[in-house]
Amino acid sequence: MKARVLVLVLALVLIISMVAGCTQPTPAPAPAPTPTPGTEQPGGGTPNPPDTTPDVTTTASITDKEEVFEKAMTSTGTWLIAALKDLTFTKDLVLDGEFKNGKKDEAGKDIIQRKIALYTQDENRKVTNRFTLTAPKLTINSPKASIEHGTFKGDLYVNANNFKLVDNIVDGNIYFATDEAKSTFTMDETSKVNGKQEVRK
């Protein structure tokens, strides 16, 4: 009799344990990650800004508004200023400040760079649209600055060293503040300056 009671008790404990194990709450599925702006799949309608993917530690300004573009050019702006359409100013513009692009050189030092991007590109970095920036005068005070893949209409006044044009047309003159600013200026074979290039101290 005692043996029967013991068997019944053990069976009851086993059944209760099995039922308790089967009714434990199932953990909720993890929420899907929110996509980072600008990284949506093709068809989402988001334009790809030029060369911003590797530079995650820095900021860029990509805009179709004149006031945002001008503010991004200040010393408190961004290292990359990119246009999404033709922009026209009736006043002079100034590119100010020293900026880092978020990359390191072979020695591990931060790379100084400032870039005015007058274009958009696809996921393969092929230029898809080129834009024109128009202003009476654009002064370059930022070191290692460039204007790329578009057209600047107006006169450039270059006060900083290592300024360059990349696949860009300047429909105007370039005036350099020093001999060094002129000697360190470079432009690739697809760039063009329609005016004169001279030192004006």
N, C-alpha and C. Protein backbone atom coordinates (compact mmCIF):
# COMPACT_ATOMS: atom_id res chain seq x y z
N MET A 1 0.83 -1.20 0.00
CA MET A 1 0.00 0.00 0.00
C MET A 1 0.87 1.25 0.00
N LYS A 2 1.87 1.22 0.87
CA LYS A 2 2.79 2.36 0.94
C LYS A 2 3.52 2.53 -0.39
N ALA A 3 3.85 1.40 -1.00
CA ALA A 3 4.56 1.46 -2.28
C ALA A 3 3.68 2.10 -3.34
N ARG A 4 2.36 1.76 -3.33
CA ARG A 4 1.43 2.36 -4.31
C ARG A 4 1.32 3.86 -4.11
N VAL A 5 1.21 4.28 -2.88
CA VAL A 5 1.10 5.73 -2.57
C VAL A 5 2.35 6.45 -3.04
N LEU A 6 3.50 5.84 -2.79
CA LEU A 6 4.77 6.46 -3.18
C LEU A 6 4.85 6.60 -4.69
N VAL A 7 4.42 5.57 -5.43
CA VAL A 7 4.44 5.61 -6.89
C VAL A 7 3.51 6.70 -7.40
N LEU A 8 2.31 6.80 -6.79
CA LEU A 8 1.35 7.84 -7.19
C LEU A 8 1.91 9.25 -6.95
N VAL A 9 2.55 9.42 -5.80
CA VAL A 9 3.14 10.74 -5.47
C VAL A 9 4.23 11.09 -6.46
N LEU A 10 5.11 10.12 -6.76
CA LEU A 10 6.19 10.38 -7.72
C LEU A 10 5.64 10.71 -9.11
N ALA A 11 4.59 9.98 -9.51
CA ALA A 11 3.97 10.24 -10.82
C ALA A 11 3.37 11.63 -10.87
N LEU A 12 2.71 12.02 -9.76
CA LEU A 12 2.09 13.35 -9.70
C LEU A 12 3.15 14.45 -9.77
N VAL A 13 4.26 14.27 -9.07
CA VAL A 13 5.35 15.26 -9.11
C VAL A 13 5.93 15.36 -10.51
N LEU A 14 6.08 14.25 -11.20
CA LEU A 14 6.61 14.23 -12.56
C LEU A 14 5.69 14.96 -13.53
N ILE A 15 4.38 14.72 -13.40
CA ILE A 15 3.40 15.38 -14.27
C ILE A 15 3.41 16.89 -14.04
N ILE A 16 3.43 17.30 -12.76
CA ILE A 16 3.45 18.75 -12.44
C ILE A 16 4.71 19.40 -13.01
N SER A 17 5.85 18.70 -12.91
CA SER A 17 7.10 19.25 -13.44
C SER A 17 7.03 19.42 -14.95
N MET A 18 6.44 18.45 -15.64
CA MET A 18 6.34 18.53 -17.10
C MET A 18 5.44 19.66 -17.53
N VAL A 19 4.30 19.80 -16.83
CA VAL A 19 3.36 20.87 -17.17
C VAL A 19 3.99 22.23 -16.94
N ALA A 20 4.70 22.39 -15.82
CA ALA A 20 5.35 23.68 -15.52
C ALA A 20 6.40 24.01 -16.56
N GLY A 21 7.15 23.00 -17.02
CA GLY A 21 8.17 23.24 -18.05
C GLY A 21 7.58 23.65 -19.38
N CYS A 22 6.40 23.14 -19.70
CA CYS A 22 5.77 23.47 -20.99
C CYS A 22 5.09 24.83 -21.00
N THR A 23 4.80 25.36 -19.82
CA THR A 23 4.05 26.62 -19.78
C THR A 23 4.92 27.82 -19.47
N GLN A 24 6.27 27.68 -19.57
CA GLN A 24 7.14 28.84 -19.35
C GLN A 24 6.95 29.84 -20.47
N PRO A 25 6.95 31.16 -20.15
CA PRO A 25 6.70 32.17 -21.18
C PRO A 25 7.77 32.17 -22.27
N THR A 26 7.35 32.31 -23.51
CA THR A 26 8.27 32.38 -24.65
C THR A 26 8.83 33.78 -24.75
N PRO A 27 10.17 33.94 -24.84
CA PRO A 27 10.72 35.30 -24.94
C PRO A 27 10.23 36.01 -26.19
N ALA A 28 9.97 37.33 -26.04
CA ALA A 28 9.48 38.13 -27.17
C ALA A 28 10.57 38.28 -28.21
N PRO A 29 10.20 38.27 -29.51
CA PRO A 29 11.22 38.44 -30.56
C PRO A 29 11.85 39.82 -30.51
N ALA A 30 13.14 39.89 -30.85
CA ALA A 30 13.84 41.18 -30.84
C ALA A 30 13.27 42.08 -31.93
N PRO A 31 13.12 43.38 -31.65
CA PRO A 31 12.58 44.29 -32.67
C PRO A 31 13.54 44.42 -33.84
N ALA A 32 12.98 44.61 -35.03
CA ALA A 32 13.80 44.78 -36.23
C ALA A 32 14.59 46.08 -36.13
N PRO A 33 15.88 46.09 -36.57
CA PRO A 33 16.67 47.31 -36.49
C PRO A 33 16.12 48.40 -37.40
N THR A 34 16.21 49.64 -36.92
CA THR A 34 15.78 50.78 -37.72
C THR A 34 16.89 51.15 -38.69
N PRO A 35 16.59 51.26 -40.00
CA PRO A 35 17.65 51.58 -40.97
C PRO A 35 18.20 52.98 -40.76
N THR A 36 19.51 53.10 -40.96
CA THR A 36 20.14 54.41 -40.90
C THR A 36 19.76 55.23 -42.12
N PRO A 37 19.39 56.52 -41.94
CA PRO A 37 19.03 57.34 -43.10
C PRO A 37 20.11 57.31 -44.17
N GLY A 38 19.67 57.14 -45.42
CA GLY A 38 20.61 57.12 -46.53
C GLY A 38 21.09 55.73 -46.90
N THR A 39 20.64 54.68 -46.09
CA THR A 39 21.11 53.33 -46.37
C THR A 39 19.97 52.42 -46.80
N GLU A 40 18.80 52.98 -47.11
CA GLU A 40 17.68 52.16 -47.54
C GLU A 40 18.02 51.44 -48.84
N GLN A 41 17.31 50.34 -49.10
CA GLN A 41 17.53 49.57 -50.31
C GLN A 41 17.09 50.35 -51.53
N PRO A 42 17.62 50.01 -52.74
CA PRO A 42 17.20 50.70 -53.95
C PRO A 42 15.69 50.64 -54.11
N GLY A 43 15.13 51.75 -54.57
CA GLY A 43 13.68 51.85 -54.71
C GLY A 43 13.06 52.65 -53.60
N GLY A 44 13.84 52.90 -52.52
CA GLY A 44 13.31 53.66 -51.40
C GLY A 44 13.30 55.15 -51.65
N GLY A 45 13.98 55.58 -52.69
CA GLY A 45 13.93 56.99 -53.06
C GLY A 45 14.90 57.88 -52.32
N THR A 46 15.84 57.31 -51.56
CA THR A 46 16.80 58.12 -50.83
C THR A 46 18.06 58.30 -51.66
N PRO A 47 18.47 59.55 -51.98
CA PRO A 47 19.69 59.75 -52.76
C PRO A 47 20.92 59.39 -51.97
N ASN A 48 21.94 58.91 -52.67
CA ASN A 48 23.19 58.58 -52.01
C ASN A 48 24.09 59.80 -51.97
N PRO A 49 24.42 60.31 -50.78
CA PRO A 49 25.33 61.44 -50.72
C PRO A 49 26.73 61.04 -51.12
N PRO A 50 27.53 61.95 -51.66
CA PRO A 50 28.86 61.59 -52.12
C PRO A 50 29.84 61.29 -51.01
N ASP A 51 30.41 60.07 -51.05
CA ASP A 51 31.54 59.69 -50.19
C ASP A 51 31.33 59.91 -48.71
N THR A 52 30.16 59.59 -48.18
CA THR A 52 29.94 59.79 -46.75
C THR A 52 29.97 58.50 -45.97
N THR A 53 29.87 57.35 -46.63
CA THR A 53 29.75 56.08 -45.93
C THR A 53 30.94 55.76 -45.03
N PRO A 54 32.21 55.91 -45.48
CA PRO A 54 33.31 55.55 -44.61
C PRO A 54 33.54 56.52 -43.46
N ASP A 55 33.00 57.70 -43.55
CA ASP A 55 33.34 58.75 -42.60
C ASP A 55 32.30 58.87 -41.50
N VAL A 56 32.11 57.75 -40.78
CA VAL A 56 31.03 57.70 -39.81
C VAL A 56 31.29 58.56 -38.58
N THR A 57 32.53 58.96 -38.33
CA THR A 57 32.82 59.75 -37.14
C THR A 57 32.70 61.25 -37.42
N THR A 58 32.38 61.61 -38.63
CA THR A 58 32.26 63.02 -38.98
C THR A 58 30.85 63.32 -39.43
N THR A 59 30.59 64.60 -39.68
CA THR A 59 29.27 64.98 -40.14
C THR A 59 29.35 65.62 -41.52
N ALA A 60 28.25 65.54 -42.24
CA ALA A 60 28.17 66.12 -43.57
C ALA A 60 26.87 66.89 -43.68
N SER A 61 26.87 67.89 -44.54
CA SER A 61 25.66 68.64 -44.82
C SER A 61 25.28 68.41 -46.27
N ILE A 62 24.12 67.80 -46.49
CA ILE A 62 23.65 67.47 -47.84
C ILE A 62 22.31 68.16 -48.00
N THR A 63 22.24 69.18 -48.87
CA THR A 63 21.08 70.05 -48.84
C THR A 63 20.73 70.63 -50.21
N ASP A 64 19.49 71.07 -50.33
CA ASP A 64 19.06 71.82 -51.51
C ASP A 64 18.64 73.24 -51.12
N LYS A 65 19.04 73.66 -49.91
CA LYS A 65 18.68 74.98 -49.40
C LYS A 65 19.92 75.87 -49.27
N GLU A 66 19.84 77.08 -49.83
CA GLU A 66 20.98 77.99 -49.81
C GLU A 66 21.45 78.32 -48.39
N GLU A 67 20.49 78.57 -47.49
CA GLU A 67 20.88 78.98 -46.13
C GLU A 67 21.59 77.85 -45.39
N VAL A 68 21.18 76.61 -45.61
CA VAL A 68 21.84 75.46 -44.97
C VAL A 68 23.24 75.27 -45.55
N PHE A 69 23.35 75.38 -46.85
CA PHE A 69 24.64 75.24 -47.54
C PHE A 69 25.63 76.29 -47.03
N GLU A 70 25.19 77.54 -46.93
CA GLU A 70 26.07 78.62 -46.48
C GLU A 70 26.51 78.41 -45.03
N LYS A 71 25.59 77.98 -44.17
CA LYS A 71 25.94 77.74 -42.76
C LYS A 71 26.95 76.60 -42.63
N ALA A 72 26.83 75.58 -43.48
CA ALA A 72 27.75 74.44 -43.42
C ALA A 72 29.16 74.83 -43.83
N MET A 73 29.32 75.97 -44.53
CA MET A 73 30.64 76.42 -44.97
C MET A 73 31.41 77.18 -43.89
N THR A 74 30.76 77.50 -42.78
CA THR A 74 31.40 78.28 -41.73
C THR A 74 32.37 77.43 -40.92
N SER A 75 33.07 78.06 -40.00
CA SER A 75 34.04 77.35 -39.16
C SER A 75 33.36 76.40 -38.18
N THR A 76 32.06 76.55 -37.99
CA THR A 76 31.31 75.63 -37.12
C THR A 76 30.43 74.69 -37.95
N GLY A 77 30.72 74.60 -39.24
CA GLY A 77 29.92 73.78 -40.15
C GLY A 77 30.39 72.34 -40.21
N THR A 78 30.44 71.79 -41.42
CA THR A 78 30.77 70.38 -41.62
C THR A 78 31.93 70.24 -42.60
N TRP A 79 32.61 69.09 -42.56
CA TRP A 79 33.77 68.89 -43.45
C TRP A 79 33.32 68.71 -44.89
N LEU A 80 32.11 68.14 -45.09
CA LEU A 80 31.57 67.91 -46.43
C LEU A 80 30.30 68.73 -46.60
N ILE A 81 30.27 69.55 -47.65
CA ILE A 81 29.09 70.35 -47.97
C ILE A 81 28.64 69.92 -49.36
N ALA A 82 27.48 69.25 -49.43
CA ALA A 82 27.03 68.67 -50.70
C ALA A 82 25.71 69.29 -51.14
N ALA A 83 25.62 69.62 -52.42
CA ALA A 83 24.42 70.21 -52.99
C ALA A 83 23.54 69.12 -53.62
N LEU A 84 22.24 69.35 -53.58
CA LEU A 84 21.28 68.45 -54.22
C LEU A 84 20.58 69.11 -55.41
N LYS A 85 21.01 70.35 -55.72
CA LYS A 85 20.47 71.06 -56.88
C LYS A 85 21.38 72.26 -57.16
N ASP A 86 21.13 73.00 -58.24
CA ASP A 86 21.85 74.25 -58.49
C ASP A 86 21.54 75.24 -57.38
N LEU A 87 22.58 75.92 -56.89
CA LEU A 87 22.40 76.91 -55.83
C LEU A 87 22.96 78.25 -56.29
N THR A 88 22.21 79.33 -56.05
CA THR A 88 22.62 80.66 -56.48
C THR A 88 22.61 81.63 -55.32
N PHE A 89 23.72 82.37 -55.17
CA PHE A 89 23.85 83.38 -54.12
C PHE A 89 24.16 84.73 -54.78
N THR A 90 23.59 85.78 -54.23
CA THR A 90 23.90 87.13 -54.71
C THR A 90 24.95 87.80 -53.85
N LYS A 91 25.41 87.11 -52.80
CA LYS A 91 26.45 87.65 -51.92
C LYS A 91 27.67 86.75 -51.95
N ASP A 92 28.79 87.26 -51.44
CA ASP A 92 30.03 86.50 -51.40
C ASP A 92 29.94 85.36 -50.38
N LEU A 93 30.65 84.29 -50.68
CA LEU A 93 30.69 83.14 -49.78
C LEU A 93 32.11 82.94 -49.26
N VAL A 94 32.22 82.35 -48.06
CA VAL A 94 33.53 82.07 -47.46
C VAL A 94 33.53 80.65 -46.91
N LEU A 95 34.55 79.88 -47.25
CA LEU A 95 34.76 78.54 -46.70
C LEU A 95 35.80 78.66 -45.60
N ASP A 96 35.36 78.51 -44.34
CA ASP A 96 36.22 78.75 -43.18
C ASP A 96 36.40 77.50 -42.33
N GLY A 97 37.52 77.47 -41.59
CA GLY A 97 37.73 76.42 -40.59
C GLY A 97 38.58 75.27 -41.10
N GLU A 98 39.21 74.58 -40.14
CA GLU A 98 39.99 73.38 -40.44
C GLU A 98 39.19 72.17 -39.96
N PHE A 99 39.02 71.18 -40.84
CA PHE A 99 38.19 70.03 -40.52
C PHE A 99 38.92 68.72 -40.79
N LYS A 100 38.50 67.67 -40.06
CA LYS A 100 39.01 66.32 -40.26
C LYS A 100 37.90 65.48 -40.88
N ASN A 101 38.28 64.58 -41.79
CA ASN A 101 37.27 63.79 -42.50
C ASN A 101 36.96 62.44 -41.85
N GLY A 102 37.54 62.18 -40.67
CA GLY A 102 37.24 60.93 -39.97
C GLY A 102 38.16 59.78 -40.33
N LYS A 103 39.09 59.98 -41.25
CA LYS A 103 40.01 58.93 -41.66
C LYS A 103 41.39 59.18 -41.06
N LYS A 104 42.23 58.15 -41.10
CA LYS A 104 43.60 58.24 -40.59
C LYS A 104 44.58 58.00 -41.73
N ASP A 105 45.74 58.66 -41.64
CA ASP A 105 46.79 58.39 -42.62
C ASP A 105 47.60 57.18 -42.16
N GLU A 106 48.67 56.86 -42.90
CA GLU A 106 49.47 55.67 -42.59
C GLU A 106 50.14 55.77 -41.23
N ALA A 107 50.35 56.99 -40.76
CA ALA A 107 50.97 57.18 -39.45
C ALA A 107 49.94 57.22 -38.33
N GLY A 108 48.65 57.07 -38.68
CA GLY A 108 47.60 57.07 -37.67
C GLY A 108 47.10 58.45 -37.29
N LYS A 109 47.50 59.46 -38.06
CA LYS A 109 47.06 60.83 -37.77
C LYS A 109 45.77 61.15 -38.52
N ASP A 110 44.95 62.02 -37.93
CA ASP A 110 43.71 62.45 -38.58
C ASP A 110 44.01 63.17 -39.88
N ILE A 111 43.19 62.91 -40.90
CA ILE A 111 43.36 63.54 -42.20
C ILE A 111 42.53 64.81 -42.27
N ILE A 112 43.20 65.91 -42.60
CA ILE A 112 42.53 67.20 -42.78
C ILE A 112 41.93 67.26 -44.18
N GLN A 113 40.67 67.65 -44.28
CA GLN A 113 40.02 67.76 -45.59
C GLN A 113 38.77 68.62 -45.48
N ARG A 114 38.46 69.35 -46.54
CA ARG A 114 37.21 70.12 -46.66
C ARG A 114 36.75 69.97 -48.09
N LYS A 115 35.49 69.65 -48.28
CA LYS A 115 35.03 69.31 -49.63
C LYS A 115 33.68 69.95 -49.93
N ILE A 116 33.61 70.64 -51.08
CA ILE A 116 32.35 71.12 -51.62
C ILE A 116 31.98 70.17 -52.75
N ALA A 117 30.91 69.41 -52.56
CA ALA A 117 30.50 68.38 -53.52
C ALA A 117 29.29 68.88 -54.30
N LEU A 118 29.48 69.11 -55.58
CA LEU A 118 28.39 69.63 -56.42
C LEU A 118 27.83 68.50 -57.28
N TYR A 119 27.48 67.39 -56.63
CA TYR A 119 27.01 66.22 -57.38
C TYR A 119 26.30 65.23 -56.45
N THR A 120 25.61 64.28 -57.08
CA THR A 120 25.10 63.10 -56.38
C THR A 120 25.69 61.88 -57.08
N GLN A 121 25.60 60.71 -56.41
CA GLN A 121 26.17 59.50 -56.96
C GLN A 121 25.30 58.31 -56.61
N ASP A 122 25.51 57.19 -57.34
CA ASP A 122 24.75 55.98 -57.05
C ASP A 122 25.53 55.10 -56.09
N GLU A 123 25.01 53.88 -55.85
CA GLU A 123 25.66 53.00 -54.87
C GLU A 123 27.04 52.54 -55.30
N ASN A 124 27.35 52.68 -56.59
CA ASN A 124 28.68 52.33 -57.10
C ASN A 124 29.61 53.54 -57.21
N ARG A 125 29.18 54.65 -56.62
CA ARG A 125 29.93 55.91 -56.62
C ARG A 125 30.07 56.52 -58.01
N LYS A 126 29.18 56.17 -58.90
CA LYS A 126 29.14 56.79 -60.21
C LYS A 126 28.33 58.08 -60.12
N VAL A 127 28.88 59.17 -60.64
CA VAL A 127 28.20 60.47 -60.57
C VAL A 127 26.91 60.42 -61.40
N THR A 128 25.81 60.79 -60.75
CA THR A 128 24.51 60.73 -61.41
C THR A 128 23.97 62.11 -61.78
N ASN A 129 24.33 63.13 -61.01
CA ASN A 129 23.89 64.50 -61.29
C ASN A 129 25.01 65.47 -60.93
N ARG A 130 25.14 66.54 -61.74
CA ARG A 130 26.12 67.60 -61.47
C ARG A 130 25.37 68.91 -61.31
N PHE A 131 25.85 69.74 -60.39
CA PHE A 131 25.15 70.98 -60.10
C PHE A 131 26.09 72.18 -60.24
N THR A 132 25.47 73.36 -60.32
CA THR A 132 26.20 74.62 -60.45
C THR A 132 26.01 75.46 -59.20
N LEU A 133 27.12 75.91 -58.64
CA LEU A 133 27.10 76.84 -57.52
C LEU A 133 27.50 78.21 -58.06
N THR A 134 26.62 79.19 -57.86
CA THR A 134 26.86 80.54 -58.39
C THR A 134 26.96 81.54 -57.24
N ALA A 135 28.02 82.34 -57.25
CA ALA A 135 28.20 83.41 -56.27
C ALA A 135 29.20 84.41 -56.87
N PRO A 136 29.10 85.70 -56.52
CA PRO A 136 30.06 86.66 -57.06
C PRO A 136 31.50 86.31 -56.72
N LYS A 137 31.68 85.77 -55.47
CA LYS A 137 33.03 85.49 -54.97
C LYS A 137 32.96 84.38 -53.94
N LEU A 138 33.91 83.45 -54.02
CA LEU A 138 34.04 82.39 -53.02
C LEU A 138 35.48 82.40 -52.52
N THR A 139 35.65 82.65 -51.22
CA THR A 139 36.97 82.69 -50.60
C THR A 139 37.24 81.37 -49.90
N ILE A 140 38.39 80.77 -50.21
CA ILE A 140 38.78 79.48 -49.62
C ILE A 140 39.81 79.73 -48.52
N ASN A 141 39.37 79.59 -47.27
CA ASN A 141 40.28 79.72 -46.13
C ASN A 141 40.61 78.37 -45.49
N SER A 142 39.88 77.33 -45.83
CA SER A 142 40.09 76.00 -45.24
C SER A 142 41.24 75.28 -45.94
N PRO A 143 42.19 74.73 -45.18
CA PRO A 143 43.28 73.97 -45.80
C PRO A 143 42.78 72.66 -46.39
N LYS A 144 43.44 72.23 -47.47
CA LYS A 144 43.14 70.98 -48.15
C LYS A 144 41.66 70.90 -48.56
N ALA A 145 41.18 71.99 -49.12
CA ALA A 145 39.79 72.04 -49.58
C ALA A 145 39.71 71.68 -51.06
N SER A 146 38.51 71.29 -51.48
CA SER A 146 38.31 70.95 -52.89
C SER A 146 36.88 71.29 -53.30
N ILE A 147 36.71 71.50 -54.60
CA ILE A 147 35.39 71.60 -55.21
C ILE A 147 35.34 70.49 -56.25
N GLU A 148 34.27 69.67 -56.21
CA GLU A 148 34.28 68.45 -57.01
C GLU A 148 33.01 68.24 -57.83
N HIS A 149 33.21 67.79 -59.08
CA HIS A 149 32.18 67.25 -59.98
C HIS A 149 31.02 68.20 -60.27
N GLY A 150 31.30 69.45 -60.53
CA GLY A 150 30.23 70.38 -60.87
C GLY A 150 30.82 71.62 -61.51
N THR A 151 30.12 72.74 -61.33
CA THR A 151 30.58 74.02 -61.87
C THR A 151 30.43 75.10 -60.82
N PHE A 152 31.47 75.91 -60.67
CA PHE A 152 31.36 77.12 -59.85
C PHE A 152 31.40 78.32 -60.77
N LYS A 153 30.37 79.16 -60.70
CA LYS A 153 30.31 80.39 -61.50
C LYS A 153 30.59 81.57 -60.58
N GLY A 154 31.74 82.21 -60.81
CA GLY A 154 32.18 83.33 -59.99
C GLY A 154 33.69 83.29 -59.88
N ASP A 155 34.25 84.18 -59.06
CA ASP A 155 35.70 84.22 -58.86
C ASP A 155 36.07 83.53 -57.56
N LEU A 156 37.14 82.75 -57.61
CA LEU A 156 37.67 82.08 -56.43
C LEU A 156 38.85 82.85 -55.87
N TYR A 157 38.86 83.07 -54.56
CA TYR A 157 39.98 83.70 -53.86
C TYR A 157 40.54 82.65 -52.89
N VAL A 158 41.73 82.16 -53.19
CA VAL A 158 42.30 81.04 -52.44
C VAL A 158 43.37 81.55 -51.49
N ASN A 159 43.09 81.46 -50.19
CA ASN A 159 44.04 81.87 -49.15
C ASN A 159 44.75 80.70 -48.51
N ALA A 160 44.27 79.49 -48.73
CA ALA A 160 44.82 78.29 -48.08
C ALA A 160 45.63 77.45 -49.06
N ASN A 161 46.51 76.64 -48.50
CA ASN A 161 47.32 75.75 -49.32
C ASN A 161 46.58 74.46 -49.67
N ASN A 162 47.05 73.82 -50.73
CA ASN A 162 46.57 72.50 -51.15
C ASN A 162 45.11 72.49 -51.58
N PHE A 163 44.66 73.58 -52.15
CA PHE A 163 43.32 73.62 -52.74
C PHE A 163 43.34 72.85 -54.05
N LYS A 164 42.23 72.15 -54.36
CA LYS A 164 42.20 71.40 -55.62
C LYS A 164 40.81 71.38 -56.24
N LEU A 165 40.82 71.20 -57.55
CA LEU A 165 39.60 70.98 -58.32
C LEU A 165 39.60 69.54 -58.80
N VAL A 166 38.45 68.88 -58.63
CA VAL A 166 38.30 67.50 -59.08
C VAL A 166 37.11 67.44 -60.03
N ASP A 167 37.39 67.21 -61.31
CA ASP A 167 36.33 67.10 -62.31
C ASP A 167 35.36 68.29 -62.18
N ASN A 168 35.90 69.47 -62.08
CA ASN A 168 35.09 70.66 -61.81
C ASN A 168 35.47 71.80 -62.75
N ILE A 169 34.48 72.59 -63.11
CA ILE A 169 34.71 73.76 -63.96
C ILE A 169 34.56 75.02 -63.12
N VAL A 170 35.51 75.93 -63.26
CA VAL A 170 35.39 77.26 -62.66
C VAL A 170 35.13 78.24 -63.78
N ASP A 171 33.94 78.80 -63.79
CA ASP A 171 33.57 79.79 -64.80
C ASP A 171 33.87 81.17 -64.22
N GLY A 172 35.16 81.49 -64.15
CA GLY A 172 35.62 82.72 -63.54
C GLY A 172 37.12 82.66 -63.33
N ASN A 173 37.65 83.54 -62.50
CA ASN A 173 39.08 83.62 -62.23
C ASN A 173 39.42 82.96 -60.89
N ILE A 174 40.69 82.58 -60.75
CA ILE A 174 41.20 82.12 -59.46
C ILE A 174 42.33 83.05 -59.05
N TYR A 175 42.16 83.70 -57.90
CA TYR A 175 43.18 84.59 -57.35
C TYR A 175 43.77 83.95 -56.09
N PHE A 176 45.09 83.82 -56.06
CA PHE A 176 45.78 83.21 -54.92
C PHE A 176 46.39 84.29 -54.05
N ALA A 177 46.28 84.11 -52.73
CA ALA A 177 46.79 85.12 -51.79
C ALA A 177 48.31 85.06 -51.66
N THR A 178 48.90 83.89 -51.90
CA THR A 178 50.35 83.73 -51.78
C THR A 178 50.88 82.85 -52.91
N ASP A 179 52.19 82.91 -53.10
CA ASP A 179 52.83 82.03 -54.09
C ASP A 179 52.66 80.56 -53.70
N GLU A 180 52.72 80.28 -52.41
CA GLU A 180 52.57 78.90 -51.95
C GLU A 180 51.16 78.37 -52.20
N ALA A 181 50.17 79.22 -51.99
CA ALA A 181 48.79 78.80 -52.28
C ALA A 181 48.65 78.42 -53.75
N LYS A 182 49.32 79.19 -54.63
CA LYS A 182 49.25 78.88 -56.07
C LYS A 182 50.06 77.63 -56.42
N SER A 183 51.23 77.49 -55.81
CA SER A 183 52.09 76.36 -56.16
C SER A 183 51.55 75.03 -55.64
N THR A 184 50.74 75.06 -54.59
CA THR A 184 50.17 73.82 -54.05
C THR A 184 48.78 73.53 -54.62
N PHE A 185 48.27 74.41 -55.46
CA PHE A 185 46.97 74.21 -56.11
C PHE A 185 47.10 73.13 -57.18
N THR A 186 46.12 72.23 -57.25
CA THR A 186 46.12 71.19 -58.27
C THR A 186 44.73 71.05 -58.88
N MET A 187 44.69 70.56 -60.11
CA MET A 187 43.43 70.25 -60.76
C MET A 187 43.66 69.05 -61.67
N ASP A 188 42.68 68.16 -61.76
CA ASP A 188 42.84 67.00 -62.61
C ASP A 188 42.55 67.35 -64.07
N GLU A 189 42.73 66.39 -64.96
CA GLU A 189 42.63 66.66 -66.39
C GLU A 189 41.20 66.94 -66.86
N THR A 190 40.21 66.58 -66.05
CA THR A 190 38.83 66.87 -66.43
C THR A 190 38.33 68.20 -65.88
N SER A 191 39.15 68.87 -65.08
CA SER A 191 38.79 70.18 -64.55
C SER A 191 39.20 71.28 -65.52
N LYS A 192 38.56 72.45 -65.37
CA LYS A 192 38.83 73.55 -66.30
C LYS A 192 38.59 74.88 -65.60
N VAL A 193 39.45 75.85 -65.87
CA VAL A 193 39.28 77.22 -65.37
C VAL A 193 39.14 78.12 -66.58
N ASN A 194 38.00 78.77 -66.70
CA ASN A 194 37.73 79.61 -67.88
C ASN A 194 38.36 81.00 -67.80
N GLY A 195 38.80 81.40 -66.60
CA GLY A 195 39.42 82.71 -66.42
C GLY A 195 40.90 82.59 -66.18
N LYS A 196 41.46 83.60 -65.56
CA LYS A 196 42.90 83.62 -65.28
C LYS A 196 43.20 83.04 -63.91
N GLN A 197 44.45 82.65 -63.74
CA GLN A 197 44.96 82.15 -62.46
C GLN A 197 46.18 82.96 -62.11
N GLU A 198 46.11 83.73 -61.03
CA GLU A 198 47.22 84.61 -60.70
C GLU A 198 47.28 84.88 -59.21
N VAL A 199 48.47 85.25 -58.76
CA VAL A 199 48.67 85.64 -57.36
C VAL A 199 48.30 87.10 -57.21
N ARG A 200 47.45 87.36 -56.25
CA ARG A 200 47.04 88.74 -55.96
C ARG A 200 47.23 88.96 -54.47
N LYS A 201 48.36 89.58 -54.10
CA LYS A 201 48.70 89.76 -52.68
C LYS A 201 48.09 91.04 -52.13
